């Protein structure tokens, strides 16, 4: 089985994914890290040097590569992955895939991302919590239609990592 976690940046996909993979004894992959390794370049450099179109094509290519594996995997997608190209259809076309949307409210995303702003180039230019709130709100407005197609929607506000992982595990039974 391939358990796929999607959601906005800062929603906990990587943290929850690593915990879930350990419990399930699955491999854990973060799609952005996988792309970086395969391309021998960090994501921000790929965007800057080769452009978003190049990145999105590679993202789809490597997503397909991972989904073609027979291995049991927990996969954390990039925040935009399900929203571009044919990626969502690709995810739904695989019978081994169980897709989870980790849904975190805008105020909590802002709270988390304000602390991580410098390490996230897409938001590092935003100066205030108000600017970040507006940015996230606009993105979520555009992306929610994709995220809400997941097999399971896990609302994560005020839940512990343990509770979120347990909720996912119960959905897999």
Protein backbone atom coordinates (compact mmCIF):
# COMPACT_ATOMS: atom_id res chain seq x y z
CA UNK A 1 0.00 0.00 0.00
CA UNK A 2 1.06 3.59 -0.57
CA UNK A 3 -0.32 6.02 2.01
CA UNK A 4 -0.22 9.51 0.54
CA UNK A 5 -0.44 12.63 2.69
CA UNK A 6 -1.39 15.92 1.11
CA UNK A 7 -2.18 19.35 2.45
CA UNK A 8 -0.84 22.86 2.64
CA UNK A 9 2.76 23.54 3.66
CA UNK A 10 3.06 23.43 7.42
CA UNK A 11 0.15 21.01 7.80
CA UNK A 12 2.41 18.28 9.19
CA UNK A 13 2.72 15.94 6.21
CA UNK A 14 6.39 15.12 6.80
CA UNK A 15 6.19 14.87 10.59
CA UNK A 16 3.04 12.73 10.57
CA UNK A 17 4.35 10.74 7.60
CA UNK A 18 7.57 9.77 9.37
CA UNK A 19 5.68 8.69 12.50
CA UNK A 20 3.13 6.74 10.47
CA UNK A 21 5.84 5.01 8.41
CA UNK A 22 7.64 3.91 11.57
CA UNK A 23 4.48 2.41 13.06
CA UNK A 24 3.50 0.67 9.81
CA UNK A 25 7.09 -0.39 9.10
CA UNK A 26 6.83 1.30 5.68
CA UNK A 27 9.41 3.39 3.88
CA UNK A 28 8.91 7.14 4.17
CA UNK A 29 9.40 9.47 1.22
CA UNK A 30 8.97 13.22 1.01
CA UNK A 31 8.33 14.00 -2.67
CA UNK A 32 10.28 17.27 -2.58
CA UNK A 33 13.28 15.54 -1.01
CA UNK A 34 13.02 12.73 -3.56
CA UNK A 35 13.00 15.24 -6.42
CA UNK A 36 15.96 17.11 -4.90
CA UNK A 37 17.94 13.90 -4.63
CA UNK A 38 17.13 12.74 -8.17
CA UNK A 39 17.84 16.16 -9.67
CA UNK A 40 20.89 16.83 -7.46
CA UNK A 41 19.44 20.25 -6.68
CA UNK A 42 17.30 21.84 -3.99
CA UNK A 43 13.76 22.75 -5.00
CA UNK A 44 14.31 26.51 -4.78
CA UNK A 45 17.25 26.23 -7.19
CA UNK A 46 15.19 24.11 -9.60
CA UNK A 47 12.50 26.80 -9.61
CA UNK A 48 15.04 29.61 -9.99
CA UNK A 49 17.33 27.98 -12.58
CA UNK A 50 14.94 25.85 -14.64
CA UNK A 51 11.52 27.34 -13.91
CA UNK A 52 8.26 26.12 -12.49
CA UNK A 53 7.18 24.30 -15.67
CA UNK A 54 10.35 22.18 -15.56
CA UNK A 55 9.79 21.48 -11.85
CA UNK A 56 6.13 20.50 -12.32
CA UNK A 57 7.03 18.10 -15.15
CA UNK A 58 9.71 16.47 -12.98
CA UNK A 59 7.32 16.39 -10.04
CA UNK A 60 4.79 14.39 -12.10
CA UNK A 61 7.51 12.13 -13.47
CA UNK A 62 8.89 11.27 -10.04
CA UNK A 63 5.42 10.92 -8.51
CA UNK A 64 4.62 8.35 -11.19
CA UNK A 65 7.93 6.61 -10.50
CA UNK A 66 7.13 6.33 -6.78
CA UNK A 67 3.54 5.21 -7.40
CA UNK A 68 4.82 2.46 -9.70
CA UNK A 69 6.75 0.88 -6.83
CA UNK A 70 5.63 -2.38 -5.26
CA UNK A 71 7.06 -1.22 -1.95
CA UNK A 72 4.90 -0.15 1.02
CA UNK A 73 5.41 3.60 1.33
CA UNK A 74 4.15 6.61 3.23
CA UNK A 75 4.53 9.54 0.83
CA UNK A 76 4.32 13.22 1.78
CA UNK A 77 3.45 15.33 -1.26
CA UNK A 78 4.46 18.91 -1.85
CA UNK A 79 1.65 21.34 -1.04
CA UNK A 80 0.94 22.02 -4.70
CA UNK A 81 1.47 18.53 -6.09
CA UNK A 82 -2.19 17.46 -6.33
CA UNK A 83 -3.13 20.77 -7.98
CA UNK A 84 -0.92 20.56 -11.07
CA UNK A 85 -0.99 18.58 -14.27
CA UNK A 86 -2.50 15.13 -14.06
CA UNK A 87 -1.14 14.38 -10.58
CA UNK A 88 -4.48 13.91 -8.82
CA UNK A 89 -5.73 11.56 -11.55
CA UNK A 90 -2.43 9.70 -11.33
CA UNK A 91 -2.95 9.22 -7.59
CA UNK A 92 -6.52 7.98 -8.06
CA UNK A 93 -5.51 5.62 -10.87
CA UNK A 94 -3.47 3.45 -8.51
CA UNK A 95 -5.48 0.94 -6.49
CA UNK A 96 -2.66 0.68 -3.91
CA UNK A 97 -2.95 4.38 -2.99
CA UNK A 98 -4.87 5.70 0.03
CA UNK A 99 -4.99 9.48 -0.05
CA UNK A 100 -5.26 11.59 3.12
CA UNK A 101 -5.71 15.36 3.34
CA UNK A 102 -4.23 16.81 6.53
CA UNK A 103 -6.46 19.83 7.00
CA UNK A 104 -5.23 22.59 9.29
CA UNK A 105 -7.04 25.90 9.75
CA UNK A 106 -5.61 29.13 8.38
CA UNK A 107 -4.89 30.68 11.81
CA UNK A 108 -2.88 27.61 12.86
CA UNK A 109 -1.07 27.47 9.50
CA UNK A 110 -0.12 31.13 9.97
CA UNK A 111 1.08 30.44 13.51
CA UNK A 112 3.30 27.55 12.33
CA UNK A 113 4.56 29.16 9.15
CA UNK A 114 5.48 32.48 10.76
CA UNK A 115 8.12 30.54 12.72
CA UNK A 116 9.40 28.80 9.55
CA UNK A 117 9.15 31.71 7.12
CA UNK A 118 12.87 32.01 6.42
CA UNK A 119 13.21 28.33 5.48
CA UNK A 120 10.28 28.50 3.05
CA UNK A 121 11.21 30.63 0.03
CA UNK A 122 7.63 30.92 -1.25
CA UNK A 123 6.64 32.92 1.86
CA UNK A 124 9.94 34.40 3.04
CA UNK A 125 9.13 37.77 1.45
CA UNK A 126 5.94 38.21 3.47
CA UNK A 127 6.47 40.64 6.35
CA UNK A 128 3.42 40.36 8.60
CA UNK A 129 0.96 37.79 9.91
CA UNK A 130 -1.75 39.63 7.95
CA UNK A 131 0.16 39.24 4.67
CA UNK A 132 0.77 35.56 5.41
CA UNK A 133 -2.92 35.05 6.29
CA UNK A 134 -3.97 36.60 2.98
CA UNK A 135 -1.42 34.54 1.03
CA UNK A 136 -2.48 31.25 2.64
CA UNK A 137 -6.17 32.09 2.27
CA UNK A 138 -5.76 32.73 -1.46
CA UNK A 139 -3.76 29.51 -1.94
CA UNK A 140 -6.24 27.41 0.04
CA UNK A 141 -9.13 28.89 -1.92
CA UNK A 142 -7.41 27.65 -5.10
CA UNK A 143 -6.26 24.30 -3.72
CA UNK A 144 -9.11 23.12 -1.49
CA UNK A 145 -11.05 21.68 -4.44
CA UNK A 146 -8.10 19.33 -5.03
CA UNK A 147 -7.37 18.54 -1.38
CA UNK A 148 -11.03 17.73 -0.65
CA UNK A 149 -10.98 14.89 -3.18
CA UNK A 150 -8.79 12.79 -0.86
CA UNK A 151 -10.17 9.45 0.29
CA UNK A 152 -9.95 10.73 3.87
CA UNK A 153 -9.92 14.25 5.31
CA UNK A 154 -8.22 14.49 8.69
CA UNK A 155 -8.86 17.78 10.51
CA UNK A 156 -5.72 18.26 12.55
CA UNK A 157 -6.46 21.44 14.56
CA UNK A 158 -5.48 20.98 18.21
CA UNK A 159 -4.78 17.26 17.81
CA UNK A 160 -1.55 15.65 18.91
CA UNK A 161 0.68 13.88 16.40
CA UNK A 162 -0.24 10.62 18.11
CA UNK A 163 -3.98 11.29 17.68
CA UNK A 164 -3.57 12.18 14.00
CA UNK A 165 -1.52 9.05 13.32
CA UNK A 166 -4.09 6.90 15.19
CA UNK A 167 -6.93 8.44 13.13
CA UNK A 168 -5.08 7.59 9.91
CA UNK A 169 -4.36 4.06 11.14
CA UNK A 170 -8.04 3.53 11.98
CA UNK A 171 -8.96 4.65 8.45
CA UNK A 172 -6.60 2.06 6.98
CA UNK A 173 -8.33 -0.87 8.69
